[in-house]
Amino acid sequence: MADPTANVRLSLTATAENVVLVREMLAGVADSIGLDVSHLNDIQTAVTEACNNVVLHAYAGEQGPFEVEVLLHQRRLAVRVLDRGIGINTPPATVGESDGIGLHVIRTLARTIDLGQSADGGTLVCMEFEAPQATPLKPDSDALDTQTLKLTESPSTPQ
């Protein structure tokens, strides 16, 4: 999944708390590109469904890694969610015919959705959304070298 053109890439552990982190990242991206609230809500809902599918199904109740990538290109926002879990049993052509509500929600909200197996045998969900008023993201010339940040543990709560 490592796409060198992604504007944002998160490598996380598949937990409910990290799904919240993905939603917050999307809100930050929306704020940075001037995306309106209605488009943000659709994107957050669809991506949350894809991430929840990873948490609930990819690792048969265990924790495992997943990645989320965001790319803004020509007034469209692409989001990819990848896991290395057990994979999906539904062929892409039949998505929505007998699956739960999650994939139906994604299909309804996204401009396009591609669902398949990743090279690692897990699942790759690629969604594209309209972002008509989005302004291009520009690299920060003062930024440090590009790094991949990995969050491997859930945030701890003070006791």
N, C-alpha and C. Protein backbone atom coordinates (compact mmCIF):
# COMPACT_ATOMS: atom_id res chain seq x y z
N MET A 1 0.81 -1.20 0.00
CA MET A 1 0.00 0.00 0.00
C MET A 1 0.85 1.26 0.00
N ALA A 2 2.08 1.18 0.34
CA ALA A 2 2.91 2.36 0.48
C ALA A 2 2.96 3.13 -0.83
N ASP A 3 2.19 4.16 -0.94
CA ASP A 3 2.10 4.99 -2.12
C ASP A 3 2.87 6.27 -1.84
N PRO A 4 3.96 6.53 -2.58
CA PRO A 4 4.78 7.71 -2.29
C PRO A 4 4.06 9.03 -2.52
N THR A 5 2.90 9.02 -3.17
CA THR A 5 2.19 10.27 -3.42
C THR A 5 1.11 10.56 -2.38
N ALA A 6 0.96 9.69 -1.39
CA ALA A 6 -0.06 9.93 -0.35
C ALA A 6 0.29 11.19 0.42
N ASN A 7 -0.74 12.01 0.68
CA ASN A 7 -0.53 13.20 1.48
C ASN A 7 -0.44 12.87 2.96
N VAL A 8 -1.19 11.85 3.39
CA VAL A 8 -1.19 11.42 4.78
C VAL A 8 -1.19 9.90 4.80
N ARG A 9 -0.38 9.32 5.67
CA ARG A 9 -0.35 7.87 5.82
C ARG A 9 -0.25 7.54 7.31
N LEU A 10 -1.19 6.76 7.80
CA LEU A 10 -1.16 6.31 9.19
C LEU A 10 -0.98 4.80 9.22
N SER A 11 -0.09 4.32 10.06
CA SER A 11 0.08 2.89 10.33
C SER A 11 -0.33 2.69 11.77
N LEU A 12 -1.39 1.91 11.98
CA LEU A 12 -2.00 1.79 13.29
C LEU A 12 -2.27 0.33 13.65
N THR A 13 -2.62 0.13 14.92
CA THR A 13 -3.12 -1.15 15.38
C THR A 13 -4.64 -1.10 15.29
N ALA A 14 -5.24 -2.19 14.86
CA ALA A 14 -6.69 -2.25 14.65
C ALA A 14 -7.42 -2.28 15.99
N THR A 15 -7.72 -1.08 16.51
CA THR A 15 -8.50 -0.93 17.74
C THR A 15 -9.55 0.15 17.51
N ALA A 16 -10.60 0.10 18.31
CA ALA A 16 -11.67 1.11 18.19
C ALA A 16 -11.12 2.51 18.45
N GLU A 17 -10.18 2.63 19.38
CA GLU A 17 -9.61 3.95 19.69
C GLU A 17 -8.88 4.53 18.48
N ASN A 18 -8.25 3.68 17.69
CA ASN A 18 -7.54 4.17 16.52
C ASN A 18 -8.48 4.54 15.38
N VAL A 19 -9.67 3.98 15.36
CA VAL A 19 -10.68 4.43 14.39
C VAL A 19 -11.04 5.88 14.68
N VAL A 20 -11.14 6.23 15.94
CA VAL A 20 -11.39 7.62 16.33
C VAL A 20 -10.24 8.51 15.85
N LEU A 21 -9.02 8.04 15.99
CA LEU A 21 -7.86 8.80 15.52
C LEU A 21 -7.94 9.04 14.01
N VAL A 22 -8.35 8.04 13.25
CA VAL A 22 -8.51 8.20 11.80
C VAL A 22 -9.54 9.28 11.49
N ARG A 23 -10.67 9.27 12.21
CA ARG A 23 -11.70 10.30 12.02
C ARG A 23 -11.14 11.70 12.28
N GLU A 24 -10.34 11.83 13.33
CA GLU A 24 -9.74 13.14 13.66
C GLU A 24 -8.74 13.56 12.60
N MET A 25 -7.97 12.61 12.06
CA MET A 25 -7.04 12.93 10.99
C MET A 25 -7.81 13.45 9.78
N LEU A 26 -8.93 12.80 9.44
CA LEU A 26 -9.73 13.25 8.31
C LEU A 26 -10.27 14.66 8.53
N ALA A 27 -10.67 14.96 9.76
CA ALA A 27 -11.14 16.32 10.08
C ALA A 27 -10.01 17.33 9.88
N GLY A 28 -8.80 16.96 10.28
CA GLY A 28 -7.65 17.85 10.08
C GLY A 28 -7.35 18.08 8.61
N VAL A 29 -7.42 17.01 7.82
CA VAL A 29 -7.20 17.14 6.37
C VAL A 29 -8.29 18.04 5.77
N ALA A 30 -9.54 17.80 6.16
CA ALA A 30 -10.64 18.62 5.64
C ALA A 30 -10.45 20.09 5.96
N ASP A 31 -10.01 20.38 7.18
CA ASP A 31 -9.74 21.76 7.58
C ASP A 31 -8.62 22.35 6.73
N SER A 32 -7.58 21.57 6.47
CA SER A 32 -6.43 22.04 5.69
C SER A 32 -6.76 22.34 4.24
N ILE A 33 -7.71 21.60 3.68
CA ILE A 33 -8.02 21.78 2.26
C ILE A 33 -9.30 22.56 2.02
N GLY A 34 -9.96 22.99 3.10
CA GLY A 34 -11.18 23.78 2.95
C GLY A 34 -12.40 22.97 2.54
N LEU A 35 -12.45 21.72 2.95
CA LEU A 35 -13.58 20.85 2.62
C LEU A 35 -14.77 21.18 3.50
N ASP A 36 -15.97 21.25 2.92
CA ASP A 36 -17.13 21.61 3.72
C ASP A 36 -17.58 20.44 4.60
N VAL A 37 -18.39 20.76 5.61
CA VAL A 37 -18.80 19.80 6.63
C VAL A 37 -19.58 18.64 6.03
N SER A 38 -20.44 18.89 5.06
CA SER A 38 -21.24 17.79 4.50
C SER A 38 -20.36 16.76 3.80
N HIS A 39 -19.36 17.22 3.05
CA HIS A 39 -18.44 16.28 2.42
C HIS A 39 -17.61 15.55 3.48
N LEU A 40 -17.16 16.27 4.50
CA LEU A 40 -16.39 15.65 5.57
C LEU A 40 -17.21 14.57 6.26
N ASN A 41 -18.46 14.84 6.55
CA ASN A 41 -19.31 13.85 7.22
C ASN A 41 -19.43 12.57 6.40
N ASP A 42 -19.63 12.70 5.09
CA ASP A 42 -19.72 11.52 4.23
C ASP A 42 -18.41 10.74 4.23
N ILE A 43 -17.30 11.45 4.12
CA ILE A 43 -16.00 10.79 4.09
C ILE A 43 -15.73 10.09 5.42
N GLN A 44 -15.95 10.79 6.52
CA GLN A 44 -15.72 10.18 7.83
C GLN A 44 -16.60 8.95 8.04
N THR A 45 -17.84 9.01 7.63
CA THR A 45 -18.74 7.87 7.82
C THR A 45 -18.26 6.66 7.02
N ALA A 46 -17.94 6.86 5.75
CA ALA A 46 -17.50 5.75 4.90
C ALA A 46 -16.17 5.17 5.39
N VAL A 47 -15.22 6.03 5.71
CA VAL A 47 -13.90 5.55 6.16
C VAL A 47 -14.02 4.87 7.52
N THR A 48 -14.88 5.39 8.39
CA THR A 48 -15.12 4.75 9.68
C THR A 48 -15.66 3.34 9.48
N GLU A 49 -16.58 3.16 8.54
CA GLU A 49 -17.11 1.82 8.26
C GLU A 49 -16.00 0.88 7.80
N ALA A 50 -15.13 1.36 6.90
CA ALA A 50 -14.03 0.52 6.42
C ALA A 50 -13.09 0.15 7.57
N CYS A 51 -12.77 1.13 8.42
CA CYS A 51 -11.87 0.87 9.56
C CYS A 51 -12.54 -0.06 10.58
N ASN A 52 -13.82 0.14 10.84
CA ASN A 52 -14.53 -0.76 11.76
C ASN A 52 -14.53 -2.19 11.24
N ASN A 53 -14.64 -2.37 9.92
CA ASN A 53 -14.57 -3.71 9.35
C ASN A 53 -13.22 -4.36 9.65
N VAL A 54 -12.15 -3.56 9.61
CA VAL A 54 -10.83 -4.09 9.96
C VAL A 54 -10.83 -4.53 11.42
N VAL A 55 -11.28 -3.66 12.32
CA VAL A 55 -11.27 -3.95 13.75
C VAL A 55 -12.11 -5.19 14.06
N LEU A 56 -13.27 -5.29 13.44
CA LEU A 56 -14.19 -6.38 13.77
C LEU A 56 -13.91 -7.70 13.05
N HIS A 57 -13.37 -7.64 11.83
CA HIS A 57 -13.31 -8.86 11.02
C HIS A 57 -11.92 -9.30 10.57
N ALA A 58 -10.98 -8.38 10.41
CA ALA A 58 -9.71 -8.73 9.77
C ALA A 58 -8.87 -9.71 10.57
N TYR A 59 -8.90 -9.61 11.86
CA TYR A 59 -8.00 -10.42 12.69
C TYR A 59 -8.74 -11.34 13.65
N ALA A 60 -9.97 -11.70 13.31
CA ALA A 60 -10.78 -12.65 14.10
C ALA A 60 -10.76 -12.33 15.59
N GLY A 61 -11.00 -11.05 15.90
CA GLY A 61 -11.07 -10.64 17.30
C GLY A 61 -9.74 -10.27 17.93
N GLU A 62 -8.65 -10.50 17.26
CA GLU A 62 -7.33 -10.13 17.76
C GLU A 62 -6.94 -8.76 17.17
N GLN A 63 -5.86 -8.21 17.67
CA GLN A 63 -5.36 -6.96 17.12
C GLN A 63 -4.33 -7.26 16.05
N GLY A 64 -4.24 -6.38 15.08
CA GLY A 64 -3.27 -6.49 14.01
C GLY A 64 -3.10 -5.13 13.38
N PRO A 65 -2.16 -5.01 12.46
CA PRO A 65 -1.89 -3.70 11.84
C PRO A 65 -2.89 -3.35 10.74
N PHE A 66 -3.10 -2.05 10.59
CA PHE A 66 -3.80 -1.55 9.40
C PHE A 66 -3.25 -0.19 9.06
N GLU A 67 -3.46 0.20 7.81
CA GLU A 67 -2.96 1.47 7.32
C GLU A 67 -4.09 2.24 6.66
N VAL A 68 -3.99 3.55 6.77
CA VAL A 68 -4.93 4.45 6.09
C VAL A 68 -4.10 5.47 5.34
N GLU A 69 -4.40 5.64 4.07
CA GLU A 69 -3.72 6.65 3.26
C GLU A 69 -4.75 7.61 2.68
N VAL A 70 -4.36 8.87 2.59
CA VAL A 70 -5.22 9.91 2.02
C VAL A 70 -4.43 10.63 0.94
N LEU A 71 -5.08 10.82 -0.20
CA LEU A 71 -4.46 11.52 -1.31
C LEU A 71 -5.47 12.48 -1.93
N LEU A 72 -5.12 13.74 -2.00
CA LEU A 72 -5.94 14.73 -2.68
C LEU A 72 -5.40 14.92 -4.09
N HIS A 73 -6.27 14.73 -5.08
CA HIS A 73 -5.85 14.85 -6.47
C HIS A 73 -7.01 15.39 -7.30
N GLN A 74 -6.80 16.54 -7.91
CA GLN A 74 -7.77 17.15 -8.83
C GLN A 74 -9.19 17.17 -8.28
N ARG A 75 -9.36 17.78 -7.13
CA ARG A 75 -10.68 17.97 -6.51
C ARG A 75 -11.36 16.65 -6.11
N ARG A 76 -10.55 15.63 -5.93
CA ARG A 76 -11.04 14.36 -5.43
C ARG A 76 -10.14 13.90 -4.30
N LEU A 77 -10.76 13.30 -3.31
CA LEU A 77 -10.01 12.79 -2.16
C LEU A 77 -10.10 11.27 -2.21
N ALA A 78 -8.95 10.62 -2.28
CA ALA A 78 -8.90 9.15 -2.27
C ALA A 78 -8.44 8.70 -0.89
N VAL A 79 -9.09 7.68 -0.37
CA VAL A 79 -8.71 7.10 0.92
C VAL A 79 -8.59 5.60 0.73
N ARG A 80 -7.47 5.05 1.20
CA ARG A 80 -7.24 3.61 1.13
C ARG A 80 -7.11 3.08 2.54
N VAL A 81 -7.78 1.97 2.80
CA VAL A 81 -7.68 1.28 4.08
C VAL A 81 -7.19 -0.13 3.78
N LEU A 82 -6.09 -0.51 4.40
CA LEU A 82 -5.44 -1.79 4.13
C LEU A 82 -5.20 -2.53 5.43
N ASP A 83 -5.51 -3.82 5.43
CA ASP A 83 -5.12 -4.66 6.57
C ASP A 83 -4.36 -5.87 6.05
N ARG A 84 -3.78 -6.61 6.96
CA ARG A 84 -3.05 -7.83 6.61
C ARG A 84 -3.72 -9.04 7.27
N GLY A 85 -5.03 -8.94 7.41
CA GLY A 85 -5.80 -9.96 8.11
C GLY A 85 -6.20 -11.12 7.22
N ILE A 86 -7.35 -11.70 7.55
CA ILE A 86 -7.79 -12.93 6.89
C ILE A 86 -8.39 -12.69 5.51
N GLY A 87 -8.57 -11.45 5.13
CA GLY A 87 -9.11 -11.15 3.80
C GLY A 87 -10.62 -11.19 3.79
N ILE A 88 -11.18 -10.76 2.70
CA ILE A 88 -12.63 -10.71 2.56
C ILE A 88 -13.07 -11.84 1.63
N ASN A 89 -14.17 -12.47 1.96
CA ASN A 89 -14.66 -13.60 1.17
C ASN A 89 -15.57 -13.18 0.04
N THR A 90 -15.95 -11.92 -0.01
CA THR A 90 -16.91 -11.44 -1.01
C THR A 90 -16.18 -10.98 -2.25
N PRO A 91 -16.46 -11.57 -3.40
CA PRO A 91 -15.86 -11.05 -4.64
C PRO A 91 -16.33 -9.62 -4.88
N PRO A 92 -15.45 -8.76 -5.38
CA PRO A 92 -15.82 -7.35 -5.59
C PRO A 92 -17.10 -7.15 -6.39
N ALA A 93 -17.40 -8.01 -7.34
CA ALA A 93 -18.58 -7.84 -8.18
C ALA A 93 -19.88 -8.02 -7.39
N THR A 94 -19.81 -8.72 -6.24
CA THR A 94 -21.04 -9.00 -5.49
C THR A 94 -21.18 -8.16 -4.24
N VAL A 95 -20.28 -7.20 -4.02
CA VAL A 95 -20.37 -6.36 -2.83
C VAL A 95 -21.71 -5.65 -2.84
N GLY A 96 -22.38 -5.69 -1.71
CA GLY A 96 -23.65 -4.99 -1.57
C GLY A 96 -24.86 -5.88 -1.76
N GLU A 97 -24.68 -7.06 -2.35
CA GLU A 97 -25.82 -7.93 -2.59
C GLU A 97 -26.27 -8.63 -1.31
N SER A 98 -25.32 -9.08 -0.49
CA SER A 98 -25.72 -9.82 0.71
C SER A 98 -24.88 -9.46 1.93
N ASP A 99 -24.05 -8.44 1.81
CA ASP A 99 -23.18 -8.05 2.92
C ASP A 99 -23.93 -7.21 3.93
N GLY A 100 -23.29 -6.99 5.07
CA GLY A 100 -23.87 -6.14 6.10
C GLY A 100 -24.00 -4.71 5.61
N ILE A 101 -24.44 -3.87 6.49
CA ILE A 101 -24.73 -2.49 6.14
C ILE A 101 -23.47 -1.67 5.85
N GLY A 102 -22.33 -2.05 6.43
CA GLY A 102 -21.11 -1.26 6.29
C GLY A 102 -20.68 -1.03 4.86
N LEU A 103 -20.59 -2.09 4.07
CA LEU A 103 -20.17 -1.93 2.68
C LEU A 103 -21.22 -1.19 1.86
N HIS A 104 -22.47 -1.36 2.19
CA HIS A 104 -23.54 -0.60 1.51
C HIS A 104 -23.39 0.89 1.80
N VAL A 105 -23.09 1.24 3.05
CA VAL A 105 -22.89 2.65 3.41
C VAL A 105 -21.72 3.23 2.64
N ILE A 106 -20.62 2.50 2.58
CA ILE A 106 -19.44 2.98 1.84
C ILE A 106 -19.80 3.19 0.37
N ARG A 107 -20.47 2.22 -0.23
CA ARG A 107 -20.85 2.32 -1.64
C ARG A 107 -21.77 3.52 -1.89
N THR A 108 -22.64 3.81 -0.96
CA THR A 108 -23.57 4.92 -1.09
C THR A 108 -22.87 6.27 -0.99
N LEU A 109 -21.89 6.39 -0.10
CA LEU A 109 -21.26 7.68 0.17
C LEU A 109 -20.06 8.00 -0.72
N ALA A 110 -19.36 6.98 -1.18
CA ALA A 110 -18.15 7.20 -1.98
C ALA A 110 -18.52 7.34 -3.46
N ARG A 111 -17.74 8.13 -4.16
CA ARG A 111 -17.92 8.26 -5.62
C ARG A 111 -17.59 6.93 -6.27
N THR A 112 -16.49 6.30 -5.83
CA THR A 112 -16.12 4.97 -6.28
C THR A 112 -15.59 4.18 -5.09
N ILE A 113 -15.69 2.86 -5.18
CA ILE A 113 -15.10 1.98 -4.20
C ILE A 113 -14.54 0.78 -4.93
N ASP A 114 -13.30 0.44 -4.61
CA ASP A 114 -12.67 -0.77 -5.10
C ASP A 114 -12.32 -1.60 -3.89
N LEU A 115 -12.70 -2.84 -3.91
CA LEU A 115 -12.51 -3.75 -2.80
C LEU A 115 -11.79 -4.97 -3.32
N GLY A 116 -10.71 -5.34 -2.65
CA GLY A 116 -9.99 -6.52 -3.09
C GLY A 116 -8.99 -6.98 -2.07
N GLN A 117 -8.22 -7.97 -2.47
CA GLN A 117 -7.18 -8.49 -1.59
C GLN A 117 -5.90 -7.72 -1.83
N SER A 118 -5.18 -7.48 -0.74
CA SER A 118 -3.88 -6.83 -0.85
C SER A 118 -2.84 -7.88 -1.21
N ALA A 119 -1.66 -7.41 -1.56
CA ALA A 119 -0.57 -8.33 -1.88
C ALA A 119 -0.21 -9.21 -0.69
N ASP A 120 -0.47 -8.72 0.52
CA ASP A 120 -0.18 -9.47 1.74
C ASP A 120 -1.28 -10.45 2.12
N GLY A 121 -2.35 -10.51 1.33
CA GLY A 121 -3.44 -11.42 1.62
C GLY A 121 -4.56 -10.82 2.43
N GLY A 122 -4.40 -9.61 2.89
CA GLY A 122 -5.46 -8.94 3.64
C GLY A 122 -6.44 -8.29 2.69
N THR A 123 -7.11 -7.27 3.19
CA THR A 123 -8.12 -6.57 2.40
C THR A 123 -7.67 -5.14 2.11
N LEU A 124 -7.93 -4.67 0.92
CA LEU A 124 -7.65 -3.30 0.51
C LEU A 124 -8.96 -2.68 0.05
N VAL A 125 -9.35 -1.59 0.69
CA VAL A 125 -10.55 -0.84 0.31
C VAL A 125 -10.08 0.53 -0.17
N CYS A 126 -10.36 0.84 -1.43
CA CYS A 126 -10.01 2.14 -2.01
C CYS A 126 -11.29 2.90 -2.29
N MET A 127 -11.41 4.07 -1.69
CA MET A 127 -12.60 4.90 -1.84
C MET A 127 -12.20 6.24 -2.43
N GLU A 128 -13.05 6.78 -3.27
CA GLU A 128 -12.80 8.11 -3.82
C GLU A 128 -14.04 8.97 -3.57
N PHE A 129 -13.79 10.21 -3.16
CA PHE A 129 -14.86 11.14 -2.82
C PHE A 129 -14.67 12.43 -3.58
N GLU A 130 -15.77 13.08 -3.89
CA GLU A 130 -15.71 14.41 -4.48
C GLU A 130 -15.24 15.39 -3.43
N ALA A 131 -14.40 16.32 -3.84
CA ALA A 131 -13.92 17.40 -2.96
C ALA A 131 -13.88 18.67 -3.79
N PRO A 132 -15.06 19.15 -4.23
CA PRO A 132 -15.12 20.21 -5.24
C PRO A 132 -14.45 21.53 -4.83
N GLN A 133 -14.50 21.89 -3.58
CA GLN A 133 -13.93 23.17 -3.17
C GLN A 133 -12.55 23.02 -2.53
N ALA A 134 -11.97 21.84 -2.61
CA ALA A 134 -10.69 21.60 -1.95
C ALA A 134 -9.56 22.38 -2.60
N THR A 135 -8.68 22.90 -1.76
CA THR A 135 -7.48 23.57 -2.24
C THR A 135 -6.33 22.56 -2.14
N PRO A 136 -5.41 22.59 -3.09
CA PRO A 136 -4.32 21.61 -3.08
C PRO A 136 -3.47 21.71 -1.81
N LEU A 137 -2.98 20.58 -1.38
CA LEU A 137 -2.04 20.55 -0.26
C LEU A 137 -0.65 20.81 -0.80
N LYS A 138 0.06 21.70 -0.13
CA LYS A 138 1.42 22.02 -0.55
C LYS A 138 2.39 21.50 0.50
N PRO A 139 3.52 20.97 0.05
CA PRO A 139 4.50 20.49 1.03
C PRO A 139 5.04 21.65 1.86
N ASP A 140 5.32 21.39 3.10
CA ASP A 140 5.90 22.37 4.00
C ASP A 140 7.40 22.39 3.78
N SER A 141 7.92 23.50 3.27
CA SER A 141 9.35 23.58 2.96
C SER A 141 10.21 23.53 4.22
N ASP A 142 9.64 23.84 5.38
CA ASP A 142 10.39 23.80 6.62
C ASP A 142 10.27 22.45 7.34
N ALA A 143 9.52 21.53 6.76
CA ALA A 143 9.27 20.25 7.43
C ALA A 143 10.54 19.41 7.47
N LEU A 144 10.61 18.56 8.47
CA LEU A 144 11.70 17.61 8.56
C LEU A 144 11.53 16.55 7.49
N ASP A 145 12.52 15.67 7.37
CA ASP A 145 12.39 14.57 6.42
C ASP A 145 11.10 13.81 6.68
N THR A 146 10.52 13.30 5.60
CA THR A 146 9.29 12.52 5.74
C THR A 146 9.55 11.29 6.58
N GLN A 147 8.66 11.06 7.55
CA GLN A 147 8.78 9.90 8.42
C GLN A 147 7.44 9.21 8.50
N THR A 148 7.48 7.92 8.72
CA THR A 148 6.25 7.19 8.98
C THR A 148 6.14 7.04 10.48
N LEU A 149 5.03 7.53 11.03
CA LEU A 149 4.79 7.40 12.46
C LEU A 149 3.93 6.18 12.69
N LYS A 150 4.33 5.35 13.62
CA LYS A 150 3.57 4.15 13.93
C LYS A 150 3.08 4.24 15.36
N LEU A 151 1.79 4.08 15.53
CA LEU A 151 1.18 4.02 16.85
C LEU A 151 0.82 2.57 17.09
N THR A 152 1.49 1.93 18.02
CA THR A 152 1.26 0.51 18.22
C THR A 152 0.44 0.22 19.45
N GLU A 153 0.22 1.20 20.30
CA GLU A 153 -0.57 0.97 21.49
C GLU A 153 -1.69 1.99 21.55
N SER A 154 -2.77 1.59 22.16
CA SER A 154 -3.89 2.49 22.36
C SER A 154 -3.48 3.56 23.37
N PRO A 155 -4.03 4.77 23.23
CA PRO A 155 -3.72 5.80 24.20
C PRO A 155 -4.17 5.34 25.60
N SER A 156 -3.35 5.66 26.58
CA SER A 156 -3.72 5.26 27.94
C SER A 156 -4.56 6.36 28.58
N THR A 157 -5.43 5.94 29.44
CA THR A 157 -6.29 6.87 30.16
C THR A 157 -5.79 6.98 31.58
N PRO A 158 -5.72 8.21 32.13
CA PRO A 158 -5.27 8.36 33.50
C PRO A 158 -6.23 7.62 34.43
N GLN A 159 -5.68 6.99 35.43
CA GLN A 159 -6.49 6.23 36.39
C GLN A 159 -6.82 7.06 37.59
